[in-house]
Amino acid sequence: MTLFVAKLIWGLGCIAYYIIRYPHQRRARKTPVADRRERIREQTLMAISYTGLFVVPLIYVLTDQPKFADYAFHPVRAWLGTFILIAGMALLHRTHRDLGRAWSITLEVRQQHALVTRGIYEKLRHPMYASFWLWAISQALLLPNWIAGLSGIVGFGTLFFARVGHEERMMLETFGDEYRAYMARTYRLIPGIY
């Protein structure tokens, strides 16, 4: 594994993300929204996450900037990042498949929205967030630059910690005791831990 290959793998991860998400995003646009929350706040959080997971690392991949933040490349770390990226994209695909029409990129409840508790959602309440954490971790392992590598963790971490509580409150307001019971038998992100 070389740095060039690691950068290429990061780029292929971005393409995989788009391929996985695009059909679900098209379908979601056709499903009417019943409740949309904090639109400006949500767009800001999405922009921060997008910047960390795509814009900053893309600048590094294309220009090697900022050079002052580089550290030594290690192939073993890049291989680990590759496997974590594959796991993250597989989880993202599974999450979209299990969510179906209930998926939304921001805090929204769709008309005729049903609580999804099957598939990966039997164990985790937020597997899509788990997939993005895996993507961010893989980026840190693939790109040996303190800014570009860690920008995904910072960018997505900002979105996650600012959003997850709001999302769970919205789900409690929408589904009440059904969601409370679901919370009691599942974990937020990591089975058996959190």
C-alpha atoms as a PDB file:
ATOM      1  CA  MET A   1       0.000   0.000   0.000  1.00  0.00           C
ATOM      2  CA  THR A   2       1.262   3.461  -0.918  1.00  0.00           C
ATOM      3  CA  LEU A   3       0.002   6.913  -0.004  1.00  0.00           C
ATOM      4  CA  PHE A   4      -1.352   7.298  -3.549  1.00  0.00           C
ATOM      5  CA  VAL A   5      -3.351   4.075  -3.186  1.00  0.00           C
ATOM      6  CA  ALA A   6      -4.623   5.147   0.249  1.00  0.00           C
ATOM      7  CA  LYS A   7      -5.838   8.439  -1.241  1.00  0.00           C
ATOM      8  CA  LEU A   8      -7.468   6.516  -4.083  1.00  0.00           C
ATOM      9  CA  ILE A   9      -9.238   4.244  -1.592  1.00  0.00           C
ATOM     10  CA  TRP A  10     -10.515   7.310   0.289  1.00  0.00           C
ATOM     11  CA  GLY A  11     -11.866   8.648  -3.037  1.00  0.00           C
ATOM     12  CA  LEU A  12     -13.508   5.316  -3.844  1.00  0.00           C
ATOM     13  CA  GLY A  13     -15.188   5.470  -0.428  1.00  0.00           C
ATOM     14  CA  CYS A  14     -16.703   8.833  -1.381  1.00  0.00           C
ATOM     15  CA  ILE A  15     -17.968   7.363  -4.651  1.00  0.00           C
ATOM     16  CA  ALA A  16     -19.395   4.337  -2.807  1.00  0.00           C
ATOM     17  CA  TYR A  17     -21.212   6.686  -0.426  1.00  0.00           C
ATOM     18  CA  TYR A  18     -22.811   8.503  -3.364  1.00  0.00           C
ATOM     19  CA  ILE A  19     -23.796   5.259  -5.113  1.00  0.00           C
ATOM     20  CA  ILE A  20     -25.350   3.892  -1.924  1.00  0.00           C
ATOM     21  CA  ARG A  21     -27.201   7.070  -0.971  1.00  0.00           C
ATOM     22  CA  TYR A  22     -28.399   8.439  -4.338  1.00  0.00           C
ATOM     23  CA  PRO A  23     -31.366   6.095  -4.998  1.00  0.00           C
ATOM     24  CA  HIS A  24     -32.612   6.542  -1.427  1.00  0.00           C
ATOM     25  CA  GLN A  25     -32.261  10.303  -1.651  1.00  0.00           C
ATOM     26  CA  ARG A  26     -34.308  10.350  -4.887  1.00  0.00           C
ATOM     27  CA  ARG A  27     -37.006   8.192  -3.335  1.00  0.00           C
ATOM     28  CA  ALA A  28     -37.065  10.284  -0.149  1.00  0.00           C
ATOM     29  CA  ARG A  29     -37.819  13.432  -2.149  1.00  0.00           C
ATOM     30  CA  LYS A  30     -41.032  11.782  -3.356  1.00  0.00           C
ATOM     31  CA  THR A  31     -42.260  10.938   0.162  1.00  0.00           C
ATOM     32  CA  PRO A  32     -44.113  13.866   1.779  1.00  0.00           C
ATOM     33  CA  VAL A  33     -42.716  15.286   5.025  1.00  0.00           C
ATOM     34  CA  ALA A  34     -45.028  15.480   8.051  1.00  0.00           C
ATOM     35  CA  ASP A  35     -42.613  17.232  10.432  1.00  0.00           C
ATOM     36  CA  ARG A  36     -39.319  19.012   9.700  1.00  0.00           C
ATOM     37  CA  ARG A  37     -37.147  20.348  12.523  1.00  0.00           C
ATOM     38  CA  GLU A  38     -34.634  23.171  12.822  1.00  0.00           C
ATOM     39  CA  ARG A  39     -33.905  23.524   9.114  1.00  0.00           C
ATOM     40  CA  ILE A  40     -31.154  26.171   9.323  1.00  0.00           C
ATOM     41  CA  ARG A  41     -29.440  24.406  12.225  1.00  0.00           C
ATOM     42  CA  GLU A  42     -29.626  21.110  10.323  1.00  0.00           C
ATOM     43  CA  GLN A  43     -28.183  22.617   7.143  1.00  0.00           C
ATOM     44  CA  THR A  44     -25.334  24.136   9.161  1.00  0.00           C
ATOM     45  CA  LEU A  45     -24.550  20.799  10.817  1.00  0.00           C
ATOM     46  CA  MET A  46     -24.665  19.020   7.453  1.00  0.00           C
ATOM     47  CA  ALA A  47     -22.259  21.603   5.980  1.00  0.00           C
ATOM     48  CA  ILE A  48     -19.818  21.088   8.865  1.00  0.00           C
ATOM     49  CA  SER A  49     -19.950  17.312   8.458  1.00  0.00           C
ATOM     50  CA  TYR A  50     -19.609  17.518   4.651  1.00  0.00           C
ATOM     51  CA  THR A  51     -16.617  19.832   5.000  1.00  0.00           C
ATOM     52  CA  GLY A  52     -14.870  17.420   7.353  1.00  0.00           C
ATOM     53  CA  LEU A  53     -15.677  14.224   5.461  1.00  0.00           C
ATOM     54  CA  PHE A  54     -15.243  15.545   1.931  1.00  0.00           C
ATOM     55  CA  VAL A  55     -14.002  19.111   1.312  1.00  0.00           C
ATOM     56  CA  VAL A  56     -10.927  19.227   3.573  1.00  0.00           C
ATOM     57  CA  PRO A  57      -9.683  15.713   2.694  1.00  0.00           C
ATOM     58  CA  LEU A  58     -10.339  16.324  -1.015  1.00  0.00           C
ATOM     59  CA  ILE A  59      -8.085  19.387  -0.892  1.00  0.00           C
ATOM     60  CA  TYR A  60      -5.395  17.233   0.723  1.00  0.00           C
ATOM     61  CA  VAL A  61      -5.844  14.360  -1.746  1.00  0.00           C
ATOM     62  CA  LEU A  62      -5.590  16.697  -4.760  1.00  0.00           C
ATOM     63  CA  THR A  63      -2.922  19.152  -3.532  1.00  0.00           C
ATOM     64  CA  ASP A  64      -1.083  17.525  -0.583  1.00  0.00           C
ATOM     65  CA  GLN A  65      -1.954  20.654   1.402  1.00  0.00           C
ATOM     66  CA  PRO A  66      -1.555  21.516   4.210  1.00  0.00           C
ATOM     67  CA  LYS A  67       1.944  19.969   4.172  1.00  0.00           C
ATOM     68  CA  PHE A  68       2.857  21.266   7.630  1.00  0.00           C
ATOM     69  CA  ALA A  69       0.295  18.860   9.131  1.00  0.00           C
ATOM     70  CA  ASP A  70       1.695  15.706   7.471  1.00  0.00           C
ATOM     71  CA  TYR A  71       2.986  12.781   9.478  1.00  0.00           C
ATOM     72  CA  ALA A  72       4.624   9.516   8.402  1.00  0.00           C
ATOM     73  CA  PHE A  73       2.528   7.200   6.229  1.00  0.00           C
ATOM     74  CA  HIS A  74       2.274   3.594   7.474  1.00  0.00           C
ATOM     75  CA  PRO A  75       0.838   0.940   5.140  1.00  0.00           C
ATOM     76  CA  VAL A  76      -0.541  -1.147   8.010  1.00  0.00           C
ATOM     77  CA  ARG A  77      -2.576   1.813   9.240  1.00  0.00           C
ATOM     78  CA  ALA A  78      -3.857   2.408   5.698  1.00  0.00           C
ATOM     79  CA  TRP A  79      -4.889  -1.251   5.343  1.00  0.00           C
ATOM     80  CA  LEU A  80      -6.764  -1.006   8.631  1.00  0.00           C
ATOM     81  CA  GLY A  81      -8.429   2.169   7.339  1.00  0.00           C
ATOM     82  CA  THR A  82      -9.419   0.316   4.170  1.00  0.00           C
ATOM     83  CA  PHE A  83     -11.130  -2.480   6.085  1.00  0.00           C
ATOM     84  CA  ILE A  84     -12.908   0.000   8.359  1.00  0.00           C
ATOM     85  CA  LEU A  85     -14.077   1.974   5.305  1.00  0.00           C
ATOM     86  CA  ILE A  86     -15.475  -1.192   3.711  1.00  0.00           C
ATOM     87  CA  ALA A  87     -17.286  -2.039   6.957  1.00  0.00           C
ATOM     88  CA  GLY A  88     -18.672   1.509   7.154  1.00  0.00           C
ATOM     89  CA  MET A  89     -19.983   1.430   3.590  1.00  0.00           C
ATOM     90  CA  ALA A  90     -21.515  -2.039   4.112  1.00  0.00           C
ATOM     91  CA  LEU A  91     -23.271  -0.751   7.236  1.00  0.00           C
ATOM     92  CA  LEU A  92     -24.431   2.375   5.371  1.00  0.00           C
ATOM     93  CA  HIS A  93     -25.923   0.188   2.625  1.00  0.00           C
ATOM     94  CA  ARG A  94     -27.655  -2.073   5.125  1.00  0.00           C
ATOM     95  CA  THR A  95     -29.023   0.913   7.041  1.00  0.00           C
ATOM     96  CA  HIS A  96     -30.524   2.504   3.937  1.00  0.00           C
ATOM     97  CA  ARG A  97     -32.029  -0.810   2.874  1.00  0.00           C
ATOM     98  CA  ASP A  98     -33.625  -1.397   6.280  1.00  0.00           C
ATOM     99  CA  LEU A  99     -34.933   2.173   6.606  1.00  0.00           C
ATOM    100  CA  GLY A 100     -36.624   2.313   3.219  1.00  0.00           C
ATOM    101  CA  ARG A 101     -38.909   5.328   2.845  1.00  0.00           C
ATOM    102  CA  ALA A 102     -38.395   6.365   6.476  1.00  0.00           C
ATOM    103  CA  TRP A 103     -34.908   7.695   5.638  1.00  0.00           C
ATOM    104  CA  SER A 104     -34.177  11.401   5.673  1.00  0.00           C
ATOM    105  CA  ILE A 105     -30.947  13.365   5.474  1.00  0.00           C
ATOM    106  CA  THR A 106     -32.120  15.837   8.143  1.00  0.00           C
ATOM    107  CA  LEU A 107     -34.470  15.722  11.135  1.00  0.00           C
ATOM    108  CA  GLU A 108     -37.765  14.888   9.447  1.00  0.00           C
ATOM    109  CA  VAL A 109     -40.690  12.596   9.994  1.00  0.00           C
ATOM    110  CA  ARG A 110     -42.342  11.364   6.813  1.00  0.00           C
ATOM    111  CA  GLN A 111     -46.078  11.041   6.303  1.00  0.00           C
ATOM    112  CA  GLN A 112     -47.214   7.554   7.316  1.00  0.00           C
ATOM    113  CA  HIS A 113     -43.841   7.153   9.050  1.00  0.00           C
ATOM    114  CA  ALA A 114     -43.528   3.888  10.957  1.00  0.00           C
ATOM    115  CA  LEU A 115     -40.849   3.173  13.537  1.00  0.00           C
ATOM    116  CA  VAL A 116     -38.261   0.882  11.950  1.00  0.00           C
ATOM    117  CA  THR A 117     -37.075  -1.827  14.367  1.00  0.00           C
ATOM    118  CA  ARG A 118     -36.135  -4.629  11.963  1.00  0.00           C
ATOM    119  CA  GLY A 119     -32.812  -5.594  10.412  1.00  0.00           C
ATOM    120  CA  ILE A 120     -29.846  -3.689  11.795  1.00  0.00           C
ATOM    121  CA  TYR A 121     -32.313  -1.569  13.787  1.00  0.00           C
ATOM    122  CA  GLU A 122     -33.073  -4.543  16.024  1.00  0.00           C
ATOM    123  CA  LYS A 123     -29.778  -3.895  17.816  1.00  0.00           C
ATOM    124  CA  LEU A 124     -28.888  -0.247  17.086  1.00  0.00           C
ATOM    125  CA  ARG A 125     -30.988   2.908  17.093  1.00  0.00           C
ATOM    126  CA  HIS A 126     -28.516   4.860  14.950  1.00  0.00           C
ATOM    127  CA  PRO A 127     -26.575   2.497  12.672  1.00  0.00           C
ATOM    128  CA  MET A 128     -26.241   5.181   9.996  1.00  0.00           C
ATOM    129  CA  TYR A 129     -24.347   7.351  12.456  1.00  0.00           C
ATOM    130  CA  ALA A 130     -22.190   4.316  13.284  1.00  0.00           C
ATOM    131  CA  SER A 131     -21.379   3.961   9.572  1.00  0.00           C
ATOM    132  CA  PHE A 132     -20.310   7.603   9.383  1.00  0.00           C
ATOM    133  CA  TRP A 133     -18.102   7.167  12.475  1.00  0.00           C
ATOM    134  CA  LEU A 134     -16.432   4.246  10.702  1.00  0.00           C
ATOM    135  CA  TRP A 135     -15.951   6.392   7.596  1.00  0.00           C
ATOM    136  CA  ALA A 136     -14.415   9.206   9.676  1.00  0.00           C
ATOM    137  CA  ILE A 137     -12.078   6.780  11.480  1.00  0.00           C
ATOM    138  CA  SER A 138     -11.012   5.240   8.176  1.00  0.00           C
ATOM    139  CA  GLN A 139     -10.239   8.706   6.829  1.00  0.00           C
ATOM    140  CA  ALA A 140      -7.942   9.352   9.802  1.00  0.00           C
ATOM    141  CA  LEU A 141      -6.130   6.076   9.085  1.00  0.00           C
ATOM    142  CA  LEU A 142      -5.891   6.513   5.300  1.00  0.00           C
ATOM    143  CA  LEU A 143      -4.774  10.146   5.141  1.00  0.00           C
ATOM    144  CA  PRO A 144      -1.579  10.872   7.118  1.00  0.00           C
ATOM    145  CA  ASN A 145      -2.304  14.525   7.774  1.00  0.00           C
ATOM    146  CA  TRP A 146      -3.444  15.885  11.126  1.00  0.00           C
ATOM    147  CA  ILE A 147      -5.943  18.257   9.503  1.00  0.00           C
ATOM    148  CA  ALA A 148      -7.277  16.238   6.554  1.00  0.00           C
ATOM    149  CA  GLY A 149      -7.214  12.931   8.402  1.00  0.00           C
ATOM    150  CA  LEU A 150      -8.983  14.151  11.524  1.00  0.00           C
ATOM    151  CA  SER A 151     -11.381  16.595   9.859  1.00  0.00           C
ATOM    152  CA  GLY A 152     -13.928  13.816   9.358  1.00  0.00           C
ATOM    153  CA  ILE A 153     -13.963  12.962  13.053  1.00  0.00           C
ATOM    154  CA  VAL A 154     -14.317  16.633  13.977  1.00  0.00           C
ATOM    155  CA  GLY A 155     -16.881  17.437  11.270  1.00  0.00           C
ATOM    156  CA  PHE A 156     -19.080  14.399  11.717  1.00  0.00           C
ATOM    157  CA  GLY A 157     -18.566  14.419  15.485  1.00  0.00           C
ATOM    158  CA  THR A 158     -19.973  17.952  15.577  1.00  0.00           C
ATOM    159  CA  LEU A 159     -23.071  16.832  13.682  1.00  0.00           C
ATOM    160  CA  PHE A 160     -23.528  13.697  15.772  1.00  0.00           C
ATOM    161  CA  PHE A 161     -23.241  15.257  19.216  1.00  0.00           C
ATOM    162  CA  ALA A 162     -25.347  18.274  18.231  1.00  0.00           C
ATOM    163  CA  ARG A 163     -28.066  16.177  16.569  1.00  0.00           C
ATOM    164  CA  VAL A 164     -28.558  12.788  18.239  1.00  0.00           C
ATOM    165  CA  GLY A 165     -30.344  14.156  21.321  1.00  0.00           C
ATOM    166  CA  HIS A 166     -32.664  16.280  19.173  1.00  0.00           C
ATOM    167  CA  GLU A 167     -33.411  13.292  16.956  1.00  0.00           C
ATOM    168  CA  GLU A 168     -34.281  11.054  19.876  1.00  0.00           C
ATOM    169  CA  ARG A 169     -36.572  13.749  21.355  1.00  0.00           C
ATOM    170  CA  MET A 170     -38.345  14.040  17.999  1.00  0.00           C
ATOM    171  CA  MET A 171     -38.790  10.273  17.856  1.00  0.00           C
ATOM    172  CA  LEU A 172     -40.164  10.250  21.419  1.00  0.00           C
ATOM    173  CA  GLU A 173     -42.640  13.002  20.500  1.00  0.00           C
ATOM    174  CA  THR A 174     -43.687  11.101  17.372  1.00  0.00           C
ATOM    175  CA  PHE A 175     -43.783   7.513  18.652  1.00  0.00           C
ATOM    176  CA  GLY A 176     -44.051   7.952  22.447  1.00  0.00           C
ATOM    177  CA  ASP A 177     -44.009   4.734  24.474  1.00  0.00           C
ATOM    178  CA  GLU A 178     -43.200   2.646  21.401  1.00  0.00           C
ATOM    179  CA  TYR A 179     -39.909   4.548  21.015  1.00  0.00           C
ATOM    180  CA  ARG A 180     -39.265   4.489  24.777  1.00  0.00           C
ATOM    181  CA  ALA A 181     -39.532   0.688  24.738  1.00  0.00           C
ATOM    182  CA  TYR A 182     -37.316   0.555  21.647  1.00  0.00           C
ATOM    183  CA  MET A 183     -34.681   2.692  23.415  1.00  0.00           C
ATOM    184  CA  ALA A 184     -34.761   0.347  26.411  1.00  0.00           C
ATOM    185  CA  ARG A 185     -33.880  -2.725  24.306  1.00  0.00           C
ATOM    186  CA  THR A 186     -31.323  -1.204  21.902  1.00  0.00           C
ATOM    187  CA  TYR A 187     -28.009   0.640  21.952  1.00  0.00           C
ATOM    188  CA  ARG A 188     -27.363   3.986  20.339  1.00  0.00           C
ATOM    189  CA  LEU A 189     -24.234   3.129  18.302  1.00  0.00           C
ATOM    190  CA  ILE A 190     -22.172   0.213  19.578  1.00  0.00           C
ATOM    191  CA  PRO A 191     -23.870  -3.080  20.533  1.00  0.00           C
ATOM    192  CA  GLY A 192     -23.425  -3.873  24.216  1.00  0.00           C
ATOM    193  CA  ILE A 193     -21.559  -0.625  24.944  1.00  0.00           C
ATOM    194  CA  TYR A 194     -23.283   2.625  23.920  1.00  0.00           C
END
